[in-house]
Each structure stands twice: as C-alpha cells, then as structure tokens.
C-alpha cells in the first residue's frame, strides 16, 4: 500500500513539474507571439484604414 502511495506521489510530482514547464513555455511563446502580433497590428491597421479611405 505504501509503495503504491509513493508511486502515486512521484507521478503527481512529475505531472506538476511537467505542467509548470509547459506553462512557462506557453507563457514565454505567448508573450513573444503577442509582441509580434502587436507590432503586426500597428503596422497593418494604418494601411487598412488608408486603404478604406482611398476606396470608400
């Protein structure tokens, strides 16, 4: 019974560690993606609005 409990604890710790690593990776890539997305939007929005004013 104790062996099963220790195996479950180790599995839980491994799961938590992998989740933490996954969360860190997702937040890092997400922040990089958001920064790129923000620059993309700030570059494309004036062009789109200029195009809309040119072609009503």
N, C-alpha and C. Protein backbone atom coordinates (compact mmCIF):
# COMPACT_ATOMS: atom_id res chain seq x y z
N UNK A 1 0.84 -1.20 0.00
CA UNK A 1 0.00 0.00 0.00
C UNK A 1 0.88 1.26 0.00
N UNK A 2 1.91 1.25 0.83
CA UNK A 2 2.79 2.42 0.89
C UNK A 2 3.54 2.61 -0.42
N UNK A 3 3.91 1.48 -1.06
CA UNK A 3 4.61 1.57 -2.34
C UNK A 3 3.72 2.24 -3.39
N UNK A 4 2.46 1.85 -3.42
CA UNK A 4 1.52 2.45 -4.36
C UNK A 4 1.39 3.95 -4.10
N UNK A 5 1.33 4.31 -2.82
CA UNK A 5 1.20 5.72 -2.46
C UNK A 5 2.43 6.52 -2.91
N UNK A 6 3.61 5.95 -2.72
CA UNK A 6 4.83 6.66 -3.12
C UNK A 6 4.90 6.79 -4.64
N UNK A 7 4.47 5.74 -5.35
CA UNK A 7 4.46 5.81 -6.82
C UNK A 7 3.48 6.90 -7.28
N UNK A 8 2.33 6.96 -6.63
CA UNK A 8 1.35 8.00 -6.98
C UNK A 8 1.92 9.38 -6.69
N UNK A 9 2.62 9.53 -5.58
CA UNK A 9 3.22 10.82 -5.24
C UNK A 9 4.25 11.22 -6.29
N UNK A 10 5.08 10.26 -6.69
CA UNK A 10 6.10 10.57 -7.70
C UNK A 10 5.44 10.96 -9.02
N UNK A 11 4.39 10.25 -9.39
CA UNK A 11 3.67 10.58 -10.62
C UNK A 11 3.07 11.98 -10.54
N UNK A 12 2.51 12.31 -9.38
CA UNK A 12 1.90 13.62 -9.19
C UNK A 12 2.95 14.72 -9.28
N UNK A 13 4.13 14.48 -8.67
CA UNK A 13 5.21 15.47 -8.71
C UNK A 13 5.70 15.64 -10.15
N UNK A 14 5.84 14.53 -10.86
CA UNK A 14 6.26 14.61 -12.27
C UNK A 14 5.23 15.39 -13.09
N UNK A 15 3.97 15.13 -12.83
CA UNK A 15 2.91 15.83 -13.55
C UNK A 15 2.96 17.32 -13.26
N UNK A 16 3.14 17.67 -12.00
CA UNK A 16 3.21 19.09 -11.62
C UNK A 16 4.40 19.76 -12.29
N UNK A 17 5.55 19.09 -12.29
CA UNK A 17 6.75 19.67 -12.90
C UNK A 17 6.54 19.86 -14.40
N UNK A 18 5.98 18.87 -15.05
CA UNK A 18 5.77 18.99 -16.49
C UNK A 18 4.74 20.08 -16.80
N UNK A 19 3.73 20.19 -15.95
CA UNK A 19 2.74 21.25 -16.15
C UNK A 19 3.37 22.62 -15.97
N UNK A 20 4.24 22.75 -14.96
CA UNK A 20 4.90 24.03 -14.72
C UNK A 20 5.80 24.40 -15.89
N UNK A 21 6.55 23.42 -16.40
CA UNK A 21 7.42 23.67 -17.54
C UNK A 21 6.58 24.04 -18.77
N UNK A 22 5.50 23.30 -18.97
CA UNK A 22 4.61 23.57 -20.10
C UNK A 22 4.01 24.97 -19.98
N UNK A 23 3.59 25.35 -18.76
CA UNK A 23 3.01 26.67 -18.53
C UNK A 23 4.02 27.77 -18.82
N UNK A 24 5.27 27.56 -18.36
CA UNK A 24 6.32 28.55 -18.61
C UNK A 24 6.58 28.69 -20.11
N UNK A 25 6.66 27.55 -20.80
CA UNK A 25 6.91 27.60 -22.24
C UNK A 25 5.77 28.31 -22.96
N UNK A 26 4.54 28.00 -22.57
CA UNK A 26 3.38 28.62 -23.21
C UNK A 26 3.35 30.12 -22.96
N UNK A 27 3.65 30.53 -21.72
CA UNK A 27 3.62 31.97 -21.43
C UNK A 27 4.73 32.70 -22.17
N UNK A 28 5.91 32.06 -22.26
CA UNK A 28 7.02 32.69 -22.98
C UNK A 28 6.68 32.84 -24.46
N UNK A 29 6.25 31.76 -25.08
CA UNK A 29 5.91 31.83 -26.51
C UNK A 29 4.69 32.73 -26.71
N UNK A 30 3.77 32.72 -25.76
CA UNK A 30 2.59 33.57 -25.87
C UNK A 30 2.95 35.04 -25.81
N UNK A 31 3.87 35.40 -24.91
CA UNK A 31 4.26 36.80 -24.81
C UNK A 31 5.01 37.24 -26.06
N UNK A 32 5.88 36.36 -26.57
CA UNK A 32 6.60 36.69 -27.81
C UNK A 32 5.61 36.84 -28.96
N UNK A 33 4.65 35.90 -29.04
CA UNK A 33 3.65 35.96 -30.10
C UNK A 33 2.80 37.22 -29.98
N UNK A 34 2.44 37.60 -28.74
CA UNK A 34 1.63 38.80 -28.54
C UNK A 34 2.41 40.04 -28.95
N UNK A 35 3.71 40.08 -28.64
CA UNK A 35 4.51 41.24 -29.03
C UNK A 35 4.58 41.34 -30.55
N UNK A 36 4.81 40.20 -31.22
CA UNK A 36 4.85 40.20 -32.68
C UNK A 36 3.49 40.58 -33.25
N UNK A 37 2.42 40.06 -32.63
CA UNK A 37 1.06 40.37 -33.09
C UNK A 37 0.77 41.86 -32.93
N UNK A 38 1.23 42.44 -31.82
CA UNK A 38 1.00 43.86 -31.58
C UNK A 38 1.71 44.70 -32.65
N UNK A 39 2.97 44.37 -32.95
CA UNK A 39 3.68 45.13 -33.98
C UNK A 39 3.02 44.93 -35.34
N UNK A 40 2.56 43.70 -35.60
CA UNK A 40 1.89 43.42 -36.87
C UNK A 40 0.62 44.27 -36.99
N UNK A 41 -0.16 44.33 -35.90
CA UNK A 41 -1.41 45.11 -35.93
C UNK A 41 -1.11 46.59 -36.10
N UNK A 42 -0.11 47.10 -35.39
CA UNK A 42 0.20 48.53 -35.50
C UNK A 42 0.73 48.87 -36.89
N UNK A 43 1.31 47.86 -37.57
CA UNK A 43 1.79 48.12 -38.93
C UNK A 43 0.66 48.00 -39.95
N UNK A 44 -0.27 47.06 -39.73
CA UNK A 44 -1.30 46.81 -40.75
C UNK A 44 -2.52 47.72 -40.59
N UNK A 45 -2.84 48.11 -39.37
CA UNK A 45 -4.07 48.90 -39.16
C UNK A 45 -4.03 50.24 -39.90
N UNK A 46 -2.93 51.02 -39.85
CA UNK A 46 -2.92 52.26 -40.63
C UNK A 46 -3.04 52.02 -42.13
N UNK A 47 -2.42 50.93 -42.62
CA UNK A 47 -2.52 50.62 -44.05
C UNK A 47 -3.96 50.28 -44.42
N UNK A 48 -4.62 49.52 -43.57
CA UNK A 48 -6.01 49.14 -43.84
C UNK A 48 -6.91 50.37 -43.80
N UNK A 49 -6.71 51.24 -42.82
CA UNK A 49 -7.54 52.45 -42.73
C UNK A 49 -7.26 53.37 -43.91
N UNK A 50 -6.00 53.45 -44.34
CA UNK A 50 -5.67 54.26 -45.51
C UNK A 50 -6.33 53.67 -46.75
N UNK A 51 -6.32 52.35 -46.86
CA UNK A 51 -6.98 51.70 -47.98
C UNK A 51 -8.48 51.94 -47.96
N UNK A 52 -9.07 51.97 -46.77
CA UNK A 52 -10.50 52.21 -46.66
C UNK A 52 -10.84 53.64 -47.06
N UNK A 53 -9.97 54.58 -46.70
CA UNK A 53 -10.25 55.97 -47.06
C UNK A 53 -10.04 56.17 -48.56
N UNK A 54 -9.10 55.40 -49.16
CA UNK A 54 -8.89 55.52 -50.60
C UNK A 54 -10.06 54.94 -51.38
N UNK A 55 -10.55 53.77 -50.90
CA UNK A 55 -11.65 53.10 -51.60
C UNK A 55 -12.87 53.06 -50.70
N UNK A 56 -13.70 54.07 -50.76
CA UNK A 56 -14.87 54.09 -49.86
C UNK A 56 -15.95 53.11 -50.31
